[in-house]
Amino acid sequence: MSEVNNTAQSTRRDFLKCAWGAAGLVALVEASGVALSFFSPRTTEGEFGGVFTVGRVEDFPPGSVTPFNNGRFYLVRLADGGFLALYRKCTHLGCAVPWNPAEGRFVCPCHASAFEMDGQIINPPAPRPLDRFAVIIADGVVKVDTSAPIQRDRTNREDAVYA
């Protein structure tokens, strides 16, 4: 009789070991999934780090600067019709740089760095021009890809995108 009882306990014990092992394995897989999703980049359209569809080419008159706060950039339409998407982050210490329409330039409130409409430095201490984002124009629609800021040492006419 004790032999039968011992076998039943052994089977119950083995079952519980397997159940606890399976539960631990499921918990480990779930934790790994959460960790991977935490470290993966978020590239949702319409959010910073993704692609913004900002409007049609004709929506932006030449010589205009349009802020896109969710995207952390300004869409600049140069006088010659070219488009630039400038990151609003100062290249000195990373402060948000507002556009000052009265002065026709970007002025950093932290240390008074100033930038021209195309992002070129007018007044240091910023070490280089404002970074930019890629601009895509397809079928008359302007899009800005904020997934990777493009650093520049100087401004070029080739930075602008034309329709």
C-alpha atoms as a PDB file:
ATOM      1  CA  MET A   1       0.000   0.000   0.000  1.00  0.00           C
ATOM      2  CA  SER A   2       2.824   2.394   0.778  1.00  0.00           C
ATOM      3  CA  GLU A   3       4.325   1.647  -2.602  1.00  0.00           C
ATOM      4  CA  VAL A   4       1.138   2.818  -4.383  1.00  0.00           C
ATOM      5  CA  ASN A   5       0.928   5.938  -2.244  1.00  0.00           C
ATOM      6  CA  ASN A   6       4.621   6.740  -2.886  1.00  0.00           C
ATOM      7  CA  THR A   7       4.085   6.489  -6.655  1.00  0.00           C
ATOM      8  CA  ALA A   8       1.082   8.828  -6.474  1.00  0.00           C
ATOM      9  CA  GLN A   9       3.082  11.387  -4.489  1.00  0.00           C
ATOM     10  CA  SER A  10       5.969  11.120  -6.881  1.00  0.00           C
ATOM     11  CA  THR A  11       3.644  11.764  -9.816  1.00  0.00           C
ATOM     12  CA  ARG A  12       2.057  14.747  -8.056  1.00  0.00           C
ATOM     13  CA  ARG A  13       5.482  16.138  -7.208  1.00  0.00           C
ATOM     14  CA  ASP A  14       6.659  15.740 -10.823  1.00  0.00           C
ATOM     15  CA  PHE A  15       3.502  17.426 -12.080  1.00  0.00           C
ATOM     16  CA  LEU A  16       4.008  20.405  -9.755  1.00  0.00           C
ATOM     17  CA  LYS A  17       7.665  20.740 -10.813  1.00  0.00           C
ATOM     18  CA  CYS A  18       6.611  20.813 -14.475  1.00  0.00           C
ATOM     19  CA  ALA A  19       3.817  23.318 -13.760  1.00  0.00           C
ATOM     20  CA  TRP A  20       6.160  25.670 -11.879  1.00  0.00           C
ATOM     21  CA  GLY A  21       8.796  25.328 -14.607  1.00  0.00           C
ATOM     22  CA  ALA A  22       6.237  26.147 -17.321  1.00  0.00           C
ATOM     23  CA  ALA A  23       4.951  29.146 -15.350  1.00  0.00           C
ATOM     24  CA  GLY A  24       8.523  30.417 -14.921  1.00  0.00           C
ATOM     25  CA  LEU A  25       9.216  29.969 -18.628  1.00  0.00           C
ATOM     26  CA  VAL A  26       6.057  31.912 -19.565  1.00  0.00           C
ATOM     27  CA  ALA A  27       7.037  34.716 -17.170  1.00  0.00           C
ATOM     28  CA  LEU A  28      10.533  34.856 -18.686  1.00  0.00           C
ATOM     29  CA  VAL A  29       9.148  35.061 -22.237  1.00  0.00           C
ATOM     30  CA  GLU A  30       6.734  37.838 -21.216  1.00  0.00           C
ATOM     31  CA  ALA A  31       9.499  39.825 -19.493  1.00  0.00           C
ATOM     32  CA  SER A  32      11.714  39.462 -22.571  1.00  0.00           C
ATOM     33  CA  GLY A  33       8.910  40.733 -24.803  1.00  0.00           C
ATOM     34  CA  VAL A  34       8.373  43.770 -22.595  1.00  0.00           C
ATOM     35  CA  ALA A  35      12.123  44.526 -22.537  1.00  0.00           C
ATOM     36  CA  LEU A  36      12.390  44.269 -26.332  1.00  0.00           C
ATOM     37  CA  SER A  37       9.399  46.549 -26.897  1.00  0.00           C
ATOM     38  CA  PHE A  38      10.878  49.061 -24.437  1.00  0.00           C
ATOM     39  CA  PHE A  39      14.155  49.281 -26.347  1.00  0.00           C
ATOM     40  CA  SER A  40      12.686  49.264 -29.858  1.00  0.00           C
ATOM     41  CA  PRO A  41      12.377  52.690 -31.514  1.00  0.00           C
ATOM     42  CA  ARG A  42       8.971  54.251 -31.907  1.00  0.00           C
ATOM     43  CA  THR A  43       8.512  55.399 -35.492  1.00  0.00           C
ATOM     44  CA  THR A  44       4.833  56.189 -35.633  1.00  0.00           C
ATOM     45  CA  GLU A  45       3.619  58.495 -38.370  1.00  0.00           C
ATOM     46  CA  GLY A  46       2.714  61.890 -36.950  1.00  0.00           C
ATOM     47  CA  GLU A  47       4.860  61.539 -33.822  1.00  0.00           C
ATOM     48  CA  PHE A  48       8.437  62.634 -33.215  1.00  0.00           C
ATOM     49  CA  GLY A  49      10.737  59.942 -34.554  1.00  0.00           C
ATOM     50  CA  GLY A  50       8.341  59.147 -37.404  1.00  0.00           C
ATOM     51  CA  VAL A  51       7.253  60.697 -40.681  1.00  0.00           C
ATOM     52  CA  PHE A  52       5.014  63.783 -40.706  1.00  0.00           C
ATOM     53  CA  THR A  53       2.765  64.603 -43.635  1.00  0.00           C
ATOM     54  CA  VAL A  54       2.736  68.381 -43.256  1.00  0.00           C
ATOM     55  CA  GLY A  55       0.699  69.566 -46.238  1.00  0.00           C
ATOM     56  CA  ARG A  56       0.751  70.459 -49.894  1.00  0.00           C
ATOM     57  CA  VAL A  57       3.571  72.496 -51.443  1.00  0.00           C
ATOM     58  CA  GLU A  58       1.239  75.433 -52.146  1.00  0.00           C
ATOM     59  CA  ASP A  59       0.234  75.589 -48.438  1.00  0.00           C
ATOM     60  CA  PHE A  60       3.623  77.119 -47.612  1.00  0.00           C
ATOM     61  CA  PRO A  61       4.381  80.508 -49.208  1.00  0.00           C
ATOM     62  CA  PRO A  62       8.008  81.316 -50.099  1.00  0.00           C
ATOM     63  CA  GLY A  63       9.812  83.008 -47.206  1.00  0.00           C
ATOM     64  CA  SER A  64       7.682  81.334 -44.520  1.00  0.00           C
ATOM     65  CA  VAL A  65       8.561  79.452 -41.326  1.00  0.00           C
ATOM     66  CA  THR A  66       5.926  77.059 -39.965  1.00  0.00           C
ATOM     67  CA  PRO A  67       6.383  75.408 -36.544  1.00  0.00           C
ATOM     68  CA  PHE A  68       5.399  71.776 -35.966  1.00  0.00           C
ATOM     69  CA  ASN A  69       5.565  71.378 -32.188  1.00  0.00           C
ATOM     70  CA  ASN A  70       4.739  67.645 -32.117  1.00  0.00           C
ATOM     71  CA  GLY A  71       7.554  67.010 -34.573  1.00  0.00           C
ATOM     72  CA  ARG A  72      10.001  69.387 -32.867  1.00  0.00           C
ATOM     73  CA  PHE A  73      10.855  71.080 -36.152  1.00  0.00           C
ATOM     74  CA  TYR A  74      10.196  74.140 -38.283  1.00  0.00           C
ATOM     75  CA  LEU A  75       9.330  73.777 -41.934  1.00  0.00           C
ATOM     76  CA  VAL A  76      11.106  76.594 -43.734  1.00  0.00           C
ATOM     77  CA  ARG A  77      10.110  77.580 -47.256  1.00  0.00           C
ATOM     78  CA  LEU A  78      13.011  79.609 -48.569  1.00  0.00           C
ATOM     79  CA  ALA A  79      12.475  82.641 -50.805  1.00  0.00           C
ATOM     80  CA  ASP A  80      13.623  80.606 -53.834  1.00  0.00           C
ATOM     81  CA  GLY A  81      10.982  77.916 -53.128  1.00  0.00           C
ATOM     82  CA  GLY A  82      13.209  75.309 -51.435  1.00  0.00           C
ATOM     83  CA  PHE A  83      12.096  73.452 -48.308  1.00  0.00           C
ATOM     84  CA  LEU A  84      14.122  72.801 -45.141  1.00  0.00           C
ATOM     85  CA  ALA A  85      12.988  71.063 -41.976  1.00  0.00           C
ATOM     86  CA  LEU A  86      15.073  72.472 -39.126  1.00  0.00           C
ATOM     87  CA  TYR A  87      15.325  70.751 -35.746  1.00  0.00           C
ATOM     88  CA  ARG A  88      14.297  73.249 -33.076  1.00  0.00           C
ATOM     89  CA  LYS A  89      17.076  72.055 -30.744  1.00  0.00           C
ATOM     90  CA  CYS A  90      20.007  74.453 -30.314  1.00  0.00           C
ATOM     91  CA  THR A  91      23.351  72.938 -31.249  1.00  0.00           C
ATOM     92  CA  HIS A  92      24.976  74.563 -28.209  1.00  0.00           C
ATOM     93  CA  LEU A  93      23.169  73.030 -25.203  1.00  0.00           C
ATOM     94  CA  GLY A  94      19.946  71.652 -26.679  1.00  0.00           C
ATOM     95  CA  CYS A  95      17.501  74.399 -25.706  1.00  0.00           C
ATOM     96  CA  ALA A  96      14.352  74.799 -27.797  1.00  0.00           C
ATOM     97  CA  VAL A  97      15.005  77.611 -30.284  1.00  0.00           C
ATOM     98  CA  PRO A  98      11.950  79.728 -31.164  1.00  0.00           C
ATOM     99  CA  TRP A  99      11.465  81.568 -34.455  1.00  0.00           C
ATOM    100  CA  ASN A 100      11.376  85.343 -34.016  1.00  0.00           C
ATOM    101  CA  PRO A 101       9.379  86.715 -36.966  1.00  0.00           C
ATOM    102  CA  ALA A 102      10.091  90.363 -36.033  1.00  0.00           C
ATOM    103  CA  GLU A 103      13.838  89.767 -36.388  1.00  0.00           C
ATOM    104  CA  GLY A 104      13.518  87.140 -39.136  1.00  0.00           C
ATOM    105  CA  ARG A 105      15.730  84.638 -37.330  1.00  0.00           C
ATOM    106  CA  PHE A 106      15.858  81.899 -34.701  1.00  0.00           C
ATOM    107  CA  VAL A 107      17.089  83.110 -31.306  1.00  0.00           C
ATOM    108  CA  CYS A 108      18.022  80.714 -28.500  1.00  0.00           C
ATOM    109  CA  PRO A 109      16.710  81.955 -25.137  1.00  0.00           C
ATOM    110  CA  CYS A 110      19.439  80.175 -23.148  1.00  0.00           C
ATOM    111  CA  HIS A 111      22.667  81.767 -24.404  1.00  0.00           C
ATOM    112  CA  ALA A 112      21.506  84.074 -27.238  1.00  0.00           C
ATOM    113  CA  SER A 113      22.760  81.969 -30.131  1.00  0.00           C
ATOM    114  CA  ALA A 114      21.064  83.208 -33.283  1.00  0.00           C
ATOM    115  CA  PHE A 115      20.468  81.471 -36.588  1.00  0.00           C
ATOM    116  CA  GLU A 116      19.347  82.656 -40.016  1.00  0.00           C
ATOM    117  CA  MET A 117      16.227  81.311 -41.682  1.00  0.00           C
ATOM    118  CA  ASP A 118      18.251  78.442 -43.244  1.00  0.00           C
ATOM    119  CA  GLY A 119      19.787  77.534 -39.854  1.00  0.00           C
ATOM    120  CA  GLN A 120      23.175  79.214 -40.430  1.00  0.00           C
ATOM    121  CA  ILE A 121      24.813  80.647 -37.273  1.00  0.00           C
ATOM    122  CA  ILE A 122      24.665  84.424 -36.917  1.00  0.00           C
ATOM    123  CA  ASN A 123      25.667  84.659 -33.260  1.00  0.00           C
ATOM    124  CA  PRO A 124      27.644  82.026 -31.275  1.00  0.00           C
ATOM    125  CA  PRO A 125      28.140  80.218 -28.803  1.00  0.00           C
ATOM    126  CA  ALA A 126      26.393  77.541 -30.880  1.00  0.00           C
ATOM    127  CA  PRO A 127      29.212  75.649 -32.642  1.00  0.00           C
ATOM    128  CA  ARG A 128      27.352  74.807 -35.868  1.00  0.00           C
ATOM    129  CA  PRO A 129      24.122  75.429 -37.793  1.00  0.00           C
ATOM    130  CA  LEU A 130      20.791  73.984 -36.711  1.00  0.00           C
ATOM    131  CA  ASP A 131      20.391  70.311 -37.551  1.00  0.00           C
ATOM    132  CA  ARG A 132      17.847  69.398 -40.180  1.00  0.00           C
ATOM    133  CA  PHE A 133      15.523  66.521 -41.041  1.00  0.00           C
ATOM    134  CA  ALA A 134      14.962  64.889 -44.409  1.00  0.00           C
ATOM    135  CA  VAL A 135      12.197  66.460 -46.490  1.00  0.00           C
ATOM    136  CA  ILE A 136      10.322  64.340 -49.034  1.00  0.00           C
ATOM    137  CA  ILE A 137       8.071  65.861 -51.687  1.00  0.00           C
ATOM    138  CA  ALA A 138       5.905  63.395 -53.605  1.00  0.00           C
ATOM    139  CA  ASP A 139       2.872  64.252 -55.728  1.00  0.00           C
ATOM    140  CA  GLY A 140       2.857  67.802 -54.351  1.00  0.00           C
ATOM    141  CA  VAL A 141       2.717  66.627 -50.720  1.00  0.00           C
ATOM    142  CA  VAL A 142       5.469  67.588 -48.270  1.00  0.00           C
ATOM    143  CA  LYS A 143       6.625  65.021 -45.699  1.00  0.00           C
ATOM    144  CA  VAL A 144       9.312  65.303 -43.011  1.00  0.00           C
ATOM    145  CA  ASP A 145      11.165  62.295 -41.607  1.00  0.00           C
ATOM    146  CA  THR A 146      12.130  63.009 -37.971  1.00  0.00           C
ATOM    147  CA  SER A 147      13.720  59.608 -37.322  1.00  0.00           C
ATOM    148  CA  ALA A 148      17.309  60.881 -37.628  1.00  0.00           C
ATOM    149  CA  PRO A 149      18.508  64.496 -37.352  1.00  0.00           C
ATOM    150  CA  ILE A 150      21.105  65.411 -39.989  1.00  0.00           C
ATOM    151  CA  GLN A 151      24.030  67.285 -38.455  1.00  0.00           C
ATOM    152  CA  ARG A 152      25.811  69.831 -40.585  1.00  0.00           C
ATOM    153  CA  ASP A 153      29.005  71.840 -40.212  1.00  0.00           C
ATOM    154  CA  ARG A 154      27.796  74.511 -42.631  1.00  0.00           C
ATOM    155  CA  THR A 155      24.690  75.272 -44.628  1.00  0.00           C
ATOM    156  CA  ASN A 156      24.508  74.358 -48.310  1.00  0.00           C
ATOM    157  CA  ARG A 157      22.072  75.177 -51.056  1.00  0.00           C
ATOM    158  CA  GLU A 158      21.865  71.375 -51.580  1.00  0.00           C
ATOM    159  CA  ASP A 159      20.245  71.021 -48.136  1.00  0.00           C
ATOM    160  CA  ALA A 160      16.982  72.410 -49.531  1.00  0.00           C
ATOM    161  CA  VAL A 161      14.465  70.202 -51.340  1.00  0.00           C
ATOM    162  CA  TYR A 162      12.589  71.609 -54.309  1.00  0.00           C
ATOM    163  CA  ALA A 163       9.194  70.582 -55.676  1.00  0.00           C
END
